[in-house]
Amino acid sequence: MKDNPTYHSLGGHAETIEIDFDPSVTSYEELLRMFWKMNDARMQAPSTQYRSIVFYHDDVQRKIAERLKSQEEARTGATVFTEIVPFTRFFLAEGYHQKYYLRGAGDIAAEYLAIYPDLRDFIGSTATSRVNGYLGRQGTKAKLEEEIDSLGLSEAGRKRLLGIVAR
């Protein structure tokens, strides 16, 4: 594996996300159950870059991942090509790949980039993650209306976001 992968030189790495979670709120198993609901890994990926992969940090997580993968294979009656591998290190993608949907809404992204000029803060912000999700059609207008005042946007930004999500 390459030490400093880039989008054009991955060196065997895969595009993934890293999820920080509080196990007193949600468990690794609950996260994996959500993963299996959203992920269809019955077809082999066209390249290692886009393969389906689950990482574990200890033997307990490994056993949970393997058990749930087996359950998914039993449920679908098909081979599941998701790899289950130990976590070693996570590399952030280049900045222009972060918060894809949010970056597509340039005026809203600009507001957050002014609040979070440091890329790690921009990436790690709950508000930018929530807005990126809404812009990617993951969430309802009603839910957005409930929380929009907590997202740190200007009045113009709130109106623009509501307009996009309402479409």
C-alpha atoms as a PDB file:
ATOM      1  CA  MET A   1       0.000   0.000   0.000  1.00  0.00           C
ATOM      2  CA  LYS A   2       1.145   3.480  -0.824  1.00  0.00           C
ATOM      3  CA  ASP A   3       2.061   5.836   2.048  1.00  0.00           C
ATOM      4  CA  ASN A   4       0.556   9.004   0.568  1.00  0.00           C
ATOM      5  CA  PRO A   5      -2.170   8.033  -1.888  1.00  0.00           C
ATOM      6  CA  THR A   6      -3.806  10.589  -4.161  1.00  0.00           C
ATOM      7  CA  TYR A   7      -6.873  10.316  -6.356  1.00  0.00           C
ATOM      8  CA  HIS A   8      -4.705   9.663  -9.420  1.00  0.00           C
ATOM      9  CA  SER A   9      -2.266   7.376  -7.607  1.00  0.00           C
ATOM     10  CA  LEU A  10      -4.149   5.286  -5.059  1.00  0.00           C
ATOM     11  CA  GLY A  11      -1.570   2.548  -4.643  1.00  0.00           C
ATOM     12  CA  GLY A  12      -4.128  -0.146  -3.790  1.00  0.00           C
ATOM     13  CA  HIS A  13      -6.218   1.994  -1.447  1.00  0.00           C
ATOM     14  CA  ALA A  14     -10.014   2.217  -1.640  1.00  0.00           C
ATOM     15  CA  GLU A  15     -12.315   5.211  -1.368  1.00  0.00           C
ATOM     16  CA  THR A  16     -13.939   4.912   2.051  1.00  0.00           C
ATOM     17  CA  ILE A  17     -15.299   6.953   4.898  1.00  0.00           C
ATOM     18  CA  GLU A  18     -14.197   6.904   8.502  1.00  0.00           C
ATOM     19  CA  ILE A  19     -16.949   7.131  11.094  1.00  0.00           C
ATOM     20  CA  ASP A  20     -16.234   8.355  14.602  1.00  0.00           C
ATOM     21  CA  PHE A  21     -19.007   7.195  16.886  1.00  0.00           C
ATOM     22  CA  ASP A  22     -19.868   7.076  20.550  1.00  0.00           C
ATOM     23  CA  PRO A  23     -20.561   3.437  21.492  1.00  0.00           C
ATOM     24  CA  SER A  24     -22.794   4.617  24.339  1.00  0.00           C
ATOM     25  CA  VAL A  25     -25.093   6.105  21.678  1.00  0.00           C
ATOM     26  CA  THR A  26     -24.801   3.594  18.823  1.00  0.00           C
ATOM     27  CA  SER A  27     -22.871   0.375  18.429  1.00  0.00           C
ATOM     28  CA  TYR A  28     -20.514  -0.898  15.759  1.00  0.00           C
ATOM     29  CA  GLU A  29     -23.122  -3.560  15.005  1.00  0.00           C
ATOM     30  CA  GLU A  30     -25.855  -0.944  14.517  1.00  0.00           C
ATOM     31  CA  LEU A  31     -23.608   0.967  12.125  1.00  0.00           C
ATOM     32  CA  LEU A  32     -22.914  -2.204  10.158  1.00  0.00           C
ATOM     33  CA  ARG A  33     -26.618  -3.016   9.987  1.00  0.00           C
ATOM     34  CA  MET A  34     -27.161   0.420   8.396  1.00  0.00           C
ATOM     35  CA  PHE A  35     -24.259  -0.297   6.036  1.00  0.00           C
ATOM     36  CA  TRP A  36     -25.843  -3.556   4.863  1.00  0.00           C
ATOM     37  CA  LYS A  37     -29.171  -1.808   4.263  1.00  0.00           C
ATOM     38  CA  MET A  38     -27.501   0.782   2.021  1.00  0.00           C
ATOM     39  CA  ASN A  39     -24.756  -1.260   0.378  1.00  0.00           C
ATOM     40  CA  ASP A  40     -25.224  -3.881  -2.331  1.00  0.00           C
ATOM     41  CA  ALA A  41     -21.939  -5.737  -2.665  1.00  0.00           C
ATOM     42  CA  ARG A  42     -23.204  -8.725  -4.636  1.00  0.00           C
ATOM     43  CA  MET A  43     -21.231  -7.601  -7.675  1.00  0.00           C
ATOM     44  CA  GLN A  44     -17.476  -7.324  -7.723  1.00  0.00           C
ATOM     45  CA  ALA A  45     -16.248  -3.754  -7.956  1.00  0.00           C
ATOM     46  CA  PRO A  46     -14.708  -2.682 -11.261  1.00  0.00           C
ATOM     47  CA  SER A  47     -11.507  -1.693  -9.455  1.00  0.00           C
ATOM     48  CA  THR A  48      -9.923  -1.805  -6.006  1.00  0.00           C
ATOM     49  CA  GLN A  49     -10.656   1.920  -5.691  1.00  0.00           C
ATOM     50  CA  TYR A  50     -14.409   1.300  -5.518  1.00  0.00           C
ATOM     51  CA  ARG A  51     -14.521  -2.032  -3.703  1.00  0.00           C
ATOM     52  CA  SER A  52     -16.848  -2.629  -0.801  1.00  0.00           C
ATOM     53  CA  ILE A  53     -14.860  -2.806   2.403  1.00  0.00           C
ATOM     54  CA  VAL A  54     -15.480  -2.859   6.160  1.00  0.00           C
ATOM     55  CA  PHE A  55     -12.723  -2.167   8.664  1.00  0.00           C
ATOM     56  CA  TYR A  56     -12.510  -3.456  12.208  1.00  0.00           C
ATOM     57  CA  HIS A  57     -10.365  -2.368  15.149  1.00  0.00           C
ATOM     58  CA  ASP A  58     -10.389  -5.506  17.277  1.00  0.00           C
ATOM     59  CA  ASP A  59     -11.416  -9.144  17.302  1.00  0.00           C
ATOM     60  CA  VAL A  60     -14.892  -8.348  18.642  1.00  0.00           C
ATOM     61  CA  GLN A  61     -15.582  -6.020  15.703  1.00  0.00           C
ATOM     62  CA  ARG A  62     -14.134  -8.571  13.259  1.00  0.00           C
ATOM     63  CA  LYS A  63     -16.507 -11.261  14.512  1.00  0.00           C
ATOM     64  CA  ILE A  64     -19.490  -8.907  14.290  1.00  0.00           C
ATOM     65  CA  ALA A  65     -18.579  -7.905  10.728  1.00  0.00           C
ATOM     66  CA  GLU A  66     -18.093 -11.514   9.619  1.00  0.00           C
ATOM     67  CA  ARG A  67     -21.372 -12.609  11.229  1.00  0.00           C
ATOM     68  CA  LEU A  68     -23.351  -9.811   9.591  1.00  0.00           C
ATOM     69  CA  LYS A  69     -21.726 -10.482   6.228  1.00  0.00           C
ATOM     70  CA  SER A  70     -22.757 -14.148   6.522  1.00  0.00           C
ATOM     71  CA  GLN A  71     -26.286 -13.082   7.430  1.00  0.00           C
ATOM     72  CA  GLU A  72     -26.388 -10.819   4.370  1.00  0.00           C
ATOM     73  CA  GLU A  73     -25.263 -13.692   2.137  1.00  0.00           C
ATOM     74  CA  ALA A  74     -27.972 -15.914   3.638  1.00  0.00           C
ATOM     75  CA  ARG A  75     -30.584 -13.189   3.174  1.00  0.00           C
ATOM     76  CA  THR A  76     -29.693 -12.513  -0.462  1.00  0.00           C
ATOM     77  CA  GLY A  77     -28.645 -16.018  -1.471  1.00  0.00           C
ATOM     78  CA  ALA A  78     -25.622 -14.505  -3.189  1.00  0.00           C
ATOM     79  CA  THR A  79     -21.934 -14.020  -2.557  1.00  0.00           C
ATOM     80  CA  VAL A  80     -21.209 -10.690  -0.892  1.00  0.00           C
ATOM     81  CA  PHE A  81     -17.912  -9.252  -2.097  1.00  0.00           C
ATOM     82  CA  THR A  82     -17.412  -6.862   0.813  1.00  0.00           C
ATOM     83  CA  GLU A  83     -13.924  -7.288   2.247  1.00  0.00           C
ATOM     84  CA  ILE A  84     -13.512  -7.334   6.026  1.00  0.00           C
ATOM     85  CA  VAL A  85     -10.041  -6.143   6.962  1.00  0.00           C
ATOM     86  CA  PRO A  86      -8.206  -4.738   9.978  1.00  0.00           C
ATOM     87  CA  PHE A  87      -7.971  -0.974  10.196  1.00  0.00           C
ATOM     88  CA  THR A  88      -4.420   0.300   9.884  1.00  0.00           C
ATOM     89  CA  ARG A  89      -4.501   3.939   8.804  1.00  0.00           C
ATOM     90  CA  PHE A  90      -6.939   6.390   7.237  1.00  0.00           C
ATOM     91  CA  PHE A  91      -5.882   8.918   4.600  1.00  0.00           C
ATOM     92  CA  LEU A  92      -8.041  11.932   3.843  1.00  0.00           C
ATOM     93  CA  ALA A  93      -8.834  12.514   0.202  1.00  0.00           C
ATOM     94  CA  GLU A  94      -7.688  15.792  -1.289  1.00  0.00           C
ATOM     95  CA  GLY A  95      -9.726  18.797  -0.222  1.00  0.00           C
ATOM     96  CA  TYR A  96     -11.595  19.140  -3.494  1.00  0.00           C
ATOM     97  CA  HIS A  97     -13.090  15.664  -2.924  1.00  0.00           C
ATOM     98  CA  GLN A  98     -14.487  16.543   0.507  1.00  0.00           C
ATOM     99  CA  LYS A  99     -18.195  17.314   1.013  1.00  0.00           C
ATOM    100  CA  TYR A 100     -19.001  16.671  -2.651  1.00  0.00           C
ATOM    101  CA  TYR A 101     -22.629  17.849  -2.632  1.00  0.00           C
ATOM    102  CA  LEU A 102     -21.892  20.858  -0.460  1.00  0.00           C
ATOM    103  CA  ARG A 103     -19.103  21.993  -2.781  1.00  0.00           C
ATOM    104  CA  GLY A 104     -21.602  21.831  -5.646  1.00  0.00           C
ATOM    105  CA  ALA A 105     -23.644  24.524  -3.885  1.00  0.00           C
ATOM    106  CA  GLY A 106     -20.848  27.088  -4.048  1.00  0.00           C
ATOM    107  CA  ASP A 107     -22.543  29.896  -2.137  1.00  0.00           C
ATOM    108  CA  ILE A 108     -23.442  27.625   0.782  1.00  0.00           C
ATOM    109  CA  ALA A 109     -19.988  26.030   0.744  1.00  0.00           C
ATOM    110  CA  ALA A 110     -18.418  29.505   0.791  1.00  0.00           C
ATOM    111  CA  GLU A 111     -20.268  30.322   4.007  1.00  0.00           C
ATOM    112  CA  TYR A 112     -18.885  27.216   5.684  1.00  0.00           C
ATOM    113  CA  LEU A 113     -15.388  27.737   4.312  1.00  0.00           C
ATOM    114  CA  ALA A 114     -15.449  31.196   5.921  1.00  0.00           C
ATOM    115  CA  ILE A 115     -16.459  29.607   9.242  1.00  0.00           C
ATOM    116  CA  TYR A 116     -14.041  26.673   8.856  1.00  0.00           C
ATOM    117  CA  PRO A 117     -11.002  27.872   6.862  1.00  0.00           C
ATOM    118  CA  ASP A 118      -8.996  24.858   8.075  1.00  0.00           C
ATOM    119  CA  LEU A 119      -9.870  21.846   5.879  1.00  0.00           C
ATOM    120  CA  ARG A 120      -9.963  19.407   8.803  1.00  0.00           C
ATOM    121  CA  ASP A 121     -12.468  21.619  10.614  1.00  0.00           C
ATOM    122  CA  PHE A 122     -14.584  21.914   7.442  1.00  0.00           C
ATOM    123  CA  ILE A 123     -14.530  18.135   6.971  1.00  0.00           C
ATOM    124  CA  GLY A 124     -15.166  17.379  10.644  1.00  0.00           C
ATOM    125  CA  SER A 125     -18.016  19.816  11.136  1.00  0.00           C
ATOM    126  CA  THR A 126     -21.352  18.248  12.002  1.00  0.00           C
ATOM    127  CA  ALA A 127     -23.087  21.142  10.234  1.00  0.00           C
ATOM    128  CA  THR A 128     -21.209  20.627   6.950  1.00  0.00           C
ATOM    129  CA  SER A 129     -21.885  16.892   7.156  1.00  0.00           C
ATOM    130  CA  ARG A 130     -25.600  17.451   7.745  1.00  0.00           C
ATOM    131  CA  VAL A 131     -25.878  19.978   4.908  1.00  0.00           C
ATOM    132  CA  ASN A 132     -23.873  17.761   2.552  1.00  0.00           C
ATOM    133  CA  GLY A 133     -26.347  14.975   3.321  1.00  0.00           C
ATOM    134  CA  TYR A 134     -29.373  17.157   2.630  1.00  0.00           C
ATOM    135  CA  LEU A 135     -27.848  18.338  -0.637  1.00  0.00           C
ATOM    136  CA  GLY A 136     -27.269  14.684  -1.542  1.00  0.00           C
ATOM    137  CA  ARG A 137     -30.986  14.027  -1.022  1.00  0.00           C
ATOM    138  CA  GLN A 138     -30.526  12.289   2.329  1.00  0.00           C
ATOM    139  CA  GLY A 139     -33.125  13.932   4.504  1.00  0.00           C
ATOM    140  CA  THR A 140     -36.503  15.570   4.274  1.00  0.00           C
ATOM    141  CA  LYS A 141     -37.512  19.192   4.024  1.00  0.00           C
ATOM    142  CA  ALA A 142     -39.441  18.787   7.295  1.00  0.00           C
ATOM    143  CA  LYS A 143     -36.361  17.502   9.135  1.00  0.00           C
ATOM    144  CA  LEU A 144     -34.233  20.296   7.657  1.00  0.00           C
ATOM    145  CA  GLU A 145     -36.762  22.891   8.802  1.00  0.00           C
ATOM    146  CA  GLU A 146     -36.479  21.484  12.350  1.00  0.00           C
ATOM    147  CA  GLU A 147     -32.719  21.910  12.484  1.00  0.00           C
ATOM    148  CA  ILE A 148     -31.839  24.631   9.982  1.00  0.00           C
ATOM    149  CA  ASP A 149     -31.307  27.300  12.640  1.00  0.00           C
ATOM    150  CA  SER A 150     -28.608  25.147  14.251  1.00  0.00           C
ATOM    151  CA  LEU A 151     -26.562  24.790  11.050  1.00  0.00           C
ATOM    152  CA  GLY A 152     -24.821  28.176  11.191  1.00  0.00           C
ATOM    153  CA  LEU A 153     -25.975  29.549   7.841  1.00  0.00           C
ATOM    154  CA  SER A 154     -26.952  33.122   7.029  1.00  0.00           C
ATOM    155  CA  GLU A 155     -30.578  33.882   6.190  1.00  0.00           C
ATOM    156  CA  ALA A 156     -29.664  33.757   2.488  1.00  0.00           C
ATOM    157  CA  GLY A 157     -27.906  30.423   2.973  1.00  0.00           C
ATOM    158  CA  ARG A 158     -30.885  28.971   4.839  1.00  0.00           C
ATOM    159  CA  LYS A 159     -33.292  30.078   2.094  1.00  0.00           C
ATOM    160  CA  ARG A 160     -31.050  28.658  -0.629  1.00  0.00           C
ATOM    161  CA  LEU A 161     -30.669  25.316   1.164  1.00  0.00           C
ATOM    162  CA  LEU A 162     -34.409  25.025   1.807  1.00  0.00           C
ATOM    163  CA  GLY A 163     -35.058  25.825  -1.854  1.00  0.00           C
ATOM    164  CA  ILE A 164     -32.717  23.083  -3.035  1.00  0.00           C
ATOM    165  CA  VAL A 165     -34.053  20.456  -0.638  1.00  0.00           C
ATOM    166  CA  ALA A 166     -37.683  21.337  -1.463  1.00  0.00           C
ATOM    167  CA  ARG A 167     -37.188  20.424  -5.150  1.00  0.00           C
END
